[in-house]
């Protein structure tokens, strides 16, 4: 154990927050998976707990392995991976999967292992690393909008257009994060306004095209509209039902909750172990548990800002913000949906909700952040070692000690 801890580098608080979130997740996942066990299994919830444990173990192995990679390597890897994720997204879209008549081509089944994988989550991490690389490359350079169209915005819009038909919320979050990143990276505001306008126009054309040719993207736009309508008017649809049950769960939780494993609404919420797990957490742990969980994510945000600030170069700063901030943003969106501040989005609670792809990609992103922060530690150690070599008295003192 000592050797393992000695090999762990990077921001220790980020490690601790990730570990706390993962450990805490076992309780709500085990409790909330009861309805899935009875609907799709033999009533045994232990198998869901084992599956969640396996997902977390693999996720933390990914985190550990990635944090050992020098973060500068992600510059080249992002360029290599952009064509890969485009191909994966094309394959995913080509499946033309539908759920209840709506386009839901979000997952592919990996050959040999038979595990489903949501390609958009990998694309999000790769795209943010790619944008961070490009922005660091043009830092302090005078650029024109035309020069950035092919190397920067073409990959961004290709990725987003391949995700948009089946997953509007993910595409919208990715677009927002890219805009935030280019703003922080010093990209001219006048060019950002052009991109925002172009994005809006593309979205309008997509909606019109989907309405004109409904067979191309079955009921996808209707799903978006219904979710917004459900948010503004409590109609008797599936989304309204989920929100209603989530509000009941939150109301039952009160200040200190009903206690671990004592949720009632877990038996009625269809997505109780994933999209609406925060409502189950509040029901069982109350207002105190909900606030504690939110504070953990805010602590993660605080450490991300510190890691970015201490990064040795511009690429490291943008990389930390690009891959790290979406984790906190997604968590806040998930919580906001549960308390009916946002329409239903289908976003999971990072490191808490069940689901392999979400856990693995979150751990991948955290591993990249830790890779950046560990480089800072290495530079400090190198500086201290250099000072000792330049001071012979310090060397003699260590020898006698």
Protein backbone atom coordinates (compact mmCIF):
# COMPACT_ATOMS: atom_id res chain seq x y z
CA UNK A 1 0.00 0.00 0.00
CA UNK A 2 2.88 2.35 0.82
CA UNK A 3 4.43 1.70 -2.59
CA UNK A 4 1.12 2.39 -4.32
CA UNK A 5 0.65 5.67 -2.43
CA UNK A 6 4.24 6.65 -3.22
CA UNK A 7 3.52 6.21 -6.94
CA UNK A 8 0.41 8.39 -6.80
CA UNK A 9 1.27 11.84 -8.09
CA UNK A 10 -0.69 14.99 -8.70
CA UNK A 11 -3.17 16.94 -6.60
CA UNK A 12 -3.94 14.79 -3.53
CA UNK A 13 -7.21 16.64 -2.89
CA UNK A 14 -8.49 15.70 -6.34
CA UNK A 15 -7.56 12.09 -5.62
CA UNK A 16 -9.39 12.30 -2.30
CA UNK A 17 -12.54 13.86 -3.80
CA UNK A 18 -12.67 11.23 -6.54
CA UNK A 19 -12.23 8.45 -3.99
CA UNK A 20 -14.91 9.89 -1.68
CA UNK A 21 -17.41 10.20 -4.52
CA UNK A 22 -16.69 6.64 -5.63
CA UNK A 23 -16.99 5.18 -2.14
CA UNK A 24 -20.19 7.09 -1.42
CA UNK A 25 -21.72 5.94 -4.72
CA UNK A 26 -22.04 2.33 -3.54
CA UNK A 27 -24.82 3.20 -1.09
CA UNK A 28 -27.23 5.01 -3.45
CA UNK A 29 -26.47 2.70 -6.39
CA UNK A 30 -27.14 -0.40 -4.30
CA UNK A 31 -30.33 1.13 -2.97
CA UNK A 32 -31.59 2.62 -6.24
CA UNK A 33 -30.95 -0.48 -8.36
CA UNK A 34 -33.74 -2.44 -6.65
CA UNK A 35 -36.30 -1.49 -9.30
CA UNK A 36 -33.90 -2.55 -12.08
CA UNK A 37 -33.31 -5.83 -10.29
CA UNK A 38 -37.02 -6.62 -10.27
CA UNK A 39 -37.73 -5.31 -13.77
CA UNK A 40 -34.75 -6.82 -15.59
CA UNK A 41 -33.35 -9.40 -13.18
CA UNK A 42 -34.33 -11.90 -10.54
CA UNK A 43 -34.65 -9.34 -7.76
CA UNK A 44 -31.02 -9.63 -6.67
CA UNK A 45 -29.47 -6.17 -6.29
CA UNK A 46 -26.04 -7.53 -5.33
CA UNK A 47 -25.14 -8.19 -8.98
CA UNK A 48 -25.70 -4.49 -9.74
CA UNK A 49 -23.38 -3.58 -6.89
CA UNK A 50 -20.68 -5.95 -8.19
CA UNK A 51 -21.05 -4.47 -11.68
CA UNK A 52 -20.73 -0.94 -10.30
CA UNK A 53 -17.65 -2.00 -8.32
CA UNK A 54 -16.06 -3.44 -11.48
CA UNK A 55 -16.76 -0.20 -13.38
CA UNK A 56 -15.13 1.86 -10.63
CA UNK A 57 -12.09 -0.41 -10.36
CA UNK A 58 -11.49 -0.18 -14.10
CA UNK A 59 -12.12 3.57 -13.96
CA UNK A 60 -9.52 4.14 -11.26
CA UNK A 61 -7.04 1.94 -13.11
CA UNK A 62 -7.59 4.21 -16.13
CA UNK A 63 -7.11 7.26 -13.91
CA UNK A 64 -3.90 5.86 -12.43
CA UNK A 65 -2.47 4.85 -15.81
CA UNK A 66 -3.34 8.14 -17.52
CA UNK A 67 -1.92 10.29 -14.72
CA UNK A 68 1.45 8.62 -15.33
CA UNK A 69 1.51 9.86 -18.94
CA UNK A 70 3.31 13.22 -19.40
CA UNK A 71 0.52 15.62 -20.29
CA UNK A 72 2.36 17.01 -23.34
CA UNK A 73 1.74 13.65 -25.00
CA UNK A 74 -1.94 14.53 -25.14
CA UNK A 75 -1.18 17.13 -27.81
CA UNK A 76 -0.28 14.43 -30.32
CA UNK A 77 -2.83 11.95 -29.00
CA UNK A 78 -5.67 14.44 -29.50
CA UNK A 79 -4.74 14.84 -33.17
CA UNK A 80 -4.60 11.07 -33.65
CA UNK A 81 -7.86 10.46 -31.79
CA UNK A 82 -10.00 13.05 -33.62
CA UNK A 83 -10.34 10.85 -36.75
CA UNK A 84 -10.91 7.82 -34.51
CA UNK A 85 -13.81 9.42 -32.61
CA UNK A 86 -15.32 10.68 -35.88
CA UNK A 87 -15.35 7.11 -37.20
CA UNK A 88 -16.81 5.81 -33.92
CA UNK A 89 -19.53 8.46 -34.00
CA UNK A 90 -20.35 7.60 -37.62
CA UNK A 91 -20.63 3.92 -36.73
CA UNK A 92 -22.82 4.80 -33.76
CA UNK A 93 -25.14 6.95 -35.87
CA UNK A 94 -25.31 4.35 -38.63
CA UNK A 95 -26.92 1.88 -36.20
CA UNK A 96 -30.09 4.01 -36.32
CA UNK A 97 -31.18 2.75 -32.91
CA UNK A 98 -34.58 3.92 -31.71
CA UNK A 99 -36.17 3.87 -28.26
CA UNK A 100 -39.92 4.45 -28.13
CA UNK A 101 -39.78 5.74 -31.70
CA UNK A 102 -37.03 8.31 -31.09
CA UNK A 103 -33.48 8.24 -32.41
CA UNK A 104 -31.19 6.95 -29.65
CA UNK A 105 -27.99 5.94 -31.45
CA UNK A 106 -25.61 6.66 -28.58
CA UNK A 107 -23.92 3.35 -27.85
CA UNK A 108 -21.91 0.76 -29.71
CA UNK A 109 -21.22 -2.76 -28.55
CA UNK A 110 -17.52 -3.50 -28.29
CA UNK A 111 -16.57 -6.73 -30.10
CA UNK A 112 -15.40 -9.80 -28.15
CA UNK A 113 -16.16 -8.29 -24.71
CA UNK A 114 -19.82 -7.47 -25.45
CA UNK A 115 -19.72 -4.23 -23.42
CA UNK A 116 -21.71 -1.20 -24.60
CA UNK A 117 -19.81 2.07 -24.94
CA UNK A 118 -21.20 5.60 -25.35
CA UNK A 119 -18.94 7.14 -27.98
CA UNK A 120 -19.95 10.77 -27.33
CA UNK A 121 -18.31 10.74 -23.88
CA UNK A 122 -14.94 9.78 -25.36
CA UNK A 123 -15.43 12.36 -28.13
CA UNK A 124 -16.00 15.07 -25.51
CA UNK A 125 -12.65 14.44 -23.77
CA UNK A 126 -10.73 14.14 -27.04
CA UNK A 127 -12.33 17.29 -28.50
CA UNK A 128 -11.52 19.42 -25.44
CA UNK A 129 -7.89 18.24 -25.49
CA UNK A 130 -7.71 19.01 -29.22
CA UNK A 131 -9.09 22.54 -28.76
CA UNK A 132 -6.68 23.16 -25.85
CA UNK A 133 -3.76 22.06 -28.05
CA UNK A 134 -4.76 24.39 -30.89
CA UNK A 135 -5.32 27.39 -28.62
CA UNK A 136 -1.94 26.94 -26.94
CA UNK A 137 -0.37 26.71 -30.39
CA UNK A 138 -1.76 30.09 -31.55
CA UNK A 139 -1.18 31.84 -28.22
CA UNK A 140 0.29 35.35 -28.69
CA UNK A 141 -0.12 35.05 -32.46
CA UNK A 142 -2.15 37.34 -34.68
CA UNK A 143 -4.74 35.16 -36.40
CA UNK A 144 -7.66 35.61 -38.76
CA UNK A 145 -10.99 33.83 -38.52
CA UNK A 146 -10.38 32.13 -41.86
CA UNK A 147 -7.12 30.60 -40.59
CA UNK A 148 -8.94 28.87 -37.73
CA UNK A 149 -11.89 27.47 -39.71
CA UNK A 150 -10.31 24.21 -40.89
CA UNK A 151 -7.89 23.34 -38.06
CA UNK A 152 -10.16 24.38 -35.17
CA UNK A 153 -13.83 24.70 -36.05
CA UNK A 154 -14.21 21.98 -38.68
CA UNK A 155 -13.41 19.13 -36.21
CA UNK A 156 -15.58 20.80 -33.55
CA UNK A 157 -18.66 21.05 -35.77
CA UNK A 158 -18.14 17.59 -37.28
CA UNK A 159 -18.10 16.01 -33.82
CA UNK A 160 -21.10 18.03 -32.63
CA UNK A 161 -23.16 17.31 -35.75
CA UNK A 162 -22.60 13.57 -35.34
CA UNK A 163 -23.73 13.72 -31.70
CA UNK A 164 -26.62 16.17 -32.10
CA UNK A 165 -29.23 13.89 -33.76
CA UNK A 166 -29.30 11.39 -30.87
CA UNK A 167 -28.09 13.46 -27.92
CA UNK A 168 -28.87 17.17 -27.98
CA UNK A 169 -27.97 17.78 -24.32
CA UNK A 170 -24.46 16.34 -24.71
CA UNK A 171 -23.88 18.32 -27.93
CA UNK A 172 -25.11 21.51 -26.24
CA UNK A 173 -22.86 21.00 -23.21
CA UNK A 174 -19.85 20.27 -25.42
CA UNK A 175 -20.50 23.36 -27.53
CA UNK A 176 -20.81 25.49 -24.38
CA UNK A 177 -17.56 24.08 -22.98
CA UNK A 178 -15.72 24.71 -26.26
CA UNK A 179 -16.94 28.32 -26.33
CA UNK A 180 -15.84 28.78 -22.73
CA UNK A 181 -12.43 27.28 -23.49
CA UNK A 182 -11.75 29.42 -26.55
CA UNK A 183 -12.81 32.49 -24.56
CA UNK A 184 -10.35 31.64 -21.77
CA UNK A 185 -7.73 30.82 -24.38
CA UNK A 186 -7.82 34.37 -25.73
CA UNK A 187 -9.70 33.68 -28.95
CA UNK A 188 -11.07 36.99 -30.28
CA UNK A 189 -14.59 37.81 -29.08
CA UNK A 190 -15.71 38.96 -32.52
CA UNK A 191 -14.87 35.50 -33.89
CA UNK A 192 -16.65 33.79 -30.98
CA UNK A 193 -19.80 35.77 -31.78
CA UNK A 194 -19.62 34.51 -35.38
CA UNK A 195 -19.34 30.92 -34.14
CA UNK A 196 -22.30 31.38 -31.77
CA UNK A 197 -24.39 32.74 -34.63
CA UNK A 198 -23.30 29.94 -36.94
CA UNK A 199 -24.13 27.34 -34.31
CA UNK A 200 -27.62 28.76 -33.88
CA UNK A 201 -28.22 28.79 -37.65
CA UNK A 202 -27.03 25.18 -37.99
CA UNK A 203 -29.33 24.10 -35.17
CA UNK A 204 -32.32 25.82 -36.80
CA UNK A 205 -31.56 24.17 -40.16
CA UNK A 206 -31.22 20.80 -38.44
CA UNK A 207 -34.61 21.21 -36.75
CA UNK A 208 -36.25 22.22 -40.03
CA UNK A 209 -34.59 19.31 -41.85
CA UNK A 210 -35.66 16.84 -39.15
CA UNK A 211 -39.23 18.14 -39.37
CA UNK A 212 -39.24 17.94 -43.16
CA UNK A 213 -37.74 14.43 -43.24
CA UNK A 214 -38.86 12.75 -39.99
CA UNK A 215 -37.62 9.37 -41.19
CA UNK A 216 -34.01 10.57 -41.02
CA UNK A 217 -34.11 11.40 -37.30
CA UNK A 218 -37.23 9.73 -35.84
CA UNK A 219 -39.03 11.92 -33.30
CA UNK A 220 -35.80 13.48 -32.02
CA UNK A 221 -36.92 17.10 -32.30
CA UNK A 222 -40.33 16.14 -30.87
CA UNK A 223 -38.52 14.73 -27.84
CA UNK A 224 -36.64 18.01 -27.29
CA UNK A 225 -39.85 20.02 -27.63
CA UNK A 226 -41.75 17.74 -25.26
CA UNK A 227 -39.06 18.03 -22.60
CA UNK A 228 -39.16 21.81 -22.75
CA UNK A 229 -42.96 21.76 -22.65
CA UNK A 230 -42.88 19.40 -19.68
CA UNK A 231 -40.52 21.76 -17.92
CA UNK A 232 -42.88 24.69 -18.36
CA UNK A 233 -46.15 22.73 -18.09
CA UNK A 234 -46.69 19.63 -15.96
CA UNK A 235 -48.16 17.34 -18.59
CA UNK A 236 -48.71 13.63 -18.22
CA UNK A 237 -45.67 12.32 -20.07
CA UNK A 238 -42.72 10.17 -19.03
CA UNK A 239 -40.46 13.16 -18.32
CA UNK A 240 -43.15 14.84 -16.22
CA UNK A 241 -43.67 11.59 -14.33
CA UNK A 242 -39.96 11.32 -13.52
CA UNK A 243 -39.76 14.92 -12.32
CA UNK A 244 -42.87 14.45 -10.19
CA UNK A 245 -41.40 11.34 -8.54
CA UNK A 246 -38.07 13.11 -8.03
CA UNK A 247 -39.82 15.99 -6.26
CA UNK A 248 -41.67 13.53 -4.03
CA UNK A 249 -38.36 11.86 -3.16
CA UNK A 250 -36.77 15.20 -2.30
CA UNK A 251 -39.76 16.22 -0.18
CA UNK A 252 -39.63 12.94 1.76
CA UNK A 253 -35.93 13.42 2.47
CA UNK A 254 -36.36 16.54 4.56
CA UNK A 255 -33.28 17.69 6.46
CA UNK A 256 -31.59 14.40 7.44
CA UNK A 257 -33.33 11.91 5.13
CA UNK A 258 -35.13 8.64 5.67
CA UNK A 259 -31.88 6.69 6.06
CA UNK A 260 -29.65 4.62 3.73
CA UNK A 261 -31.60 2.02 1.78
CA UNK A 262 -34.99 3.34 2.89
CA UNK A 263 -36.01 5.16 -0.27
CA UNK A 264 -39.54 4.55 -1.51
CA UNK A 265 -39.36 6.46 -4.79
CA UNK A 266 -36.53 4.23 -6.05
CA UNK A 267 -39.31 1.76 -6.88
CA UNK A 268 -41.10 4.29 -9.10
CA UNK A 269 -38.32 6.37 -10.71
CA UNK A 270 -37.29 4.66 -14.00
CA UNK A 271 -33.77 6.19 -13.89
CA UNK A 272 -33.27 6.06 -10.14
CA UNK A 273 -29.72 4.67 -10.32
CA UNK A 274 -28.49 6.99 -13.08
CA UNK A 275 -30.14 10.23 -14.24
CA UNK A 276 -32.20 10.79 -11.06
CA UNK A 277 -29.91 9.29 -8.45
CA UNK A 278 -29.50 12.71 -6.80
CA UNK A 279 -33.21 12.66 -5.87
CA UNK A 280 -32.75 9.25 -4.23
CA UNK A 281 -29.68 10.53 -2.37
CA UNK A 282 -31.67 13.45 -0.94
CA UNK A 283 -34.55 11.13 -0.01
CA UNK A 284 -32.20 8.86 1.95
CA UNK A 285 -29.63 11.39 3.16
CA UNK A 286 -31.72 14.53 3.24
CA UNK A 287 -30.75 18.13 2.64
CA UNK A 288 -27.50 17.51 4.54
CA UNK A 289 -26.43 14.72 2.19
CA UNK A 290 -27.39 16.68 -0.91
CA UNK A 291 -25.42 19.75 0.18
CA UNK A 292 -22.42 17.62 1.18
CA UNK A 293 -22.35 16.03 -2.27
CA UNK A 294 -22.61 19.43 -3.96
CA UNK A 295 -19.74 20.74 -1.81
CA UNK A 296 -17.56 17.84 -2.95
CA UNK A 297 -18.07 18.85 -6.57
CA UNK A 298 -17.41 22.50 -5.73
CA UNK A 299 -14.21 21.44 -3.94
CA UNK A 300 -13.23 19.59 -7.11
CA UNK A 301 -13.89 22.79 -9.07
CA UNK A 302 -11.71 24.76 -6.66
CA UNK A 303 -8.82 22.31 -7.03
CA UNK A 304 -9.22 22.33 -10.82
CA UNK A 305 -8.75 26.10 -10.81
CA UNK A 306 -5.66 25.74 -8.62
CA UNK A 307 -4.24 22.98 -10.85
CA UNK A 308 -4.81 25.14 -13.93
CA UNK A 309 -3.24 28.18 -12.26
CA UNK A 310 -0.12 26.20 -11.28
CA UNK A 311 0.28 24.52 -14.65
CA UNK A 312 3.72 25.12 -16.21
CA UNK A 313 2.39 26.25 -19.60
CA UNK A 314 -0.68 27.42 -21.49
CA UNK A 315 -1.54 23.98 -22.85
CA UNK A 316 -1.63 22.55 -19.33
CA UNK A 317 -3.89 25.33 -18.10
CA UNK A 318 -6.37 24.94 -20.95
CA UNK A 319 -6.24 21.15 -20.78
CA UNK A 320 -7.19 21.13 -17.08
CA UNK A 321 -10.08 23.52 -17.66
CA UNK A 322 -11.17 21.79 -20.87
CA UNK A 323 -11.44 18.24 -19.53
CA UNK A 324 -12.05 19.02 -15.85
CA UNK A 325 -14.72 21.70 -15.84
CA UNK A 326 -17.28 19.62 -17.81
CA UNK A 327 -17.28 17.10 -14.93
CA UNK A 328 -18.46 19.74 -12.45
CA UNK A 329 -20.79 21.30 -15.02
CA UNK A 330 -22.42 17.94 -15.72
CA UNK A 331 -22.84 17.28 -11.99
CA UNK A 332 -24.56 20.63 -11.46
CA UNK A 333 -26.85 20.01 -14.44
CA UNK A 334 -27.82 16.59 -13.07
CA UNK A 335 -28.65 18.11 -9.70
CA UNK A 336 -30.57 20.97 -11.32
CA UNK A 337 -32.70 18.50 -13.30
CA UNK A 338 -33.55 16.56 -10.14
CA UNK A 339 -34.83 19.71 -8.42
CA UNK A 340 -36.59 20.91 -11.62
CA UNK A 341 -34.35 23.86 -12.36
CA UNK A 342 -33.53 22.40 -15.81
CA UNK A 343 -35.50 20.25 -18.26
CA UNK A 344 -34.67 16.54 -18.35
CA UNK A 345 -31.30 16.10 -20.09
CA UNK A 346 -30.24 12.50 -19.52
CA UNK A 347 -26.92 13.53 -17.96
CA UNK A 348 -25.58 11.27 -15.21
CA UNK A 349 -23.97 12.30 -11.92
CA UNK A 350 -20.20 11.83 -12.40
CA UNK A 351 -18.65 8.99 -10.34
CA UNK A 352 -21.98 8.46 -8.55
CA UNK A 353 -24.46 7.19 -11.13
CA UNK A 354 -24.23 3.64 -12.39
CA UNK A 355 -22.94 3.18 -15.92
CA UNK A 356 -19.54 2.14 -17.19
CA UNK A 357 -18.84 4.68 -19.93
CA UNK A 358 -19.61 7.70 -17.77
CA UNK A 359 -17.37 6.45 -14.96
CA UNK A 360 -14.51 5.51 -17.28
CA UNK A 361 -14.48 8.79 -19.18
CA UNK A 362 -14.76 10.81 -15.98
CA UNK A 363 -11.75 8.92 -14.63
CA UNK A 364 -9.92 9.50 -17.91
CA UNK A 365 -10.52 13.24 -17.63
CA UNK A 366 -9.44 13.33 -13.97
CA UNK A 367 -6.34 11.32 -14.88
CA UNK A 368 -5.39 13.97 -17.46
CA UNK A 369 -5.84 16.70 -14.84
CA UNK A 370 -3.64 14.77 -12.41
CA UNK A 371 -1.03 14.35 -15.12
CA UNK A 372 -0.82 18.13 -15.44
CA UNK A 373 -0.64 18.70 -11.68
CA UNK A 374 1.97 15.95 -11.22
CA UNK A 375 4.24 17.71 -13.70
CA UNK A 376 4.20 20.75 -11.41
CA UNK A 377 5.37 18.55 -8.55
CA UNK A 378 8.15 17.09 -10.70
CA UNK A 379 9.39 20.58 -11.60
CA UNK A 380 9.50 21.53 -7.91
CA UNK A 381 11.42 18.35 -7.06
CA UNK A 382 13.86 18.99 -9.92
CA UNK A 383 14.41 22.55 -8.68
CA UNK A 384 15.08 21.36 -5.13
CA UNK A 385 17.47 18.70 -6.40
CA UNK A 386 19.30 21.29 -8.47
CA UNK A 387 19.65 23.57 -5.44
CA UNK A 388 21.11 20.71 -3.39
CA UNK A 389 23.64 19.93 -6.10
CA UNK A 390 24.70 23.57 -6.17
CA UNK A 391 25.07 23.63 -2.37
CA UNK A 392 27.81 21.16 -1.24
CA UNK A 393 27.02 21.78 2.44
CA UNK A 394 23.50 20.45 1.87
CA UNK A 395 24.92 17.27 0.31
CA UNK A 396 27.32 16.76 3.26
CA UNK A 397 24.46 17.24 5.71
CA UNK A 398 22.41 14.52 4.02
CA UNK A 399 25.41 12.14 4.04
CA UNK A 400 25.98 12.56 7.80
CA UNK A 401 22.27 12.21 8.51
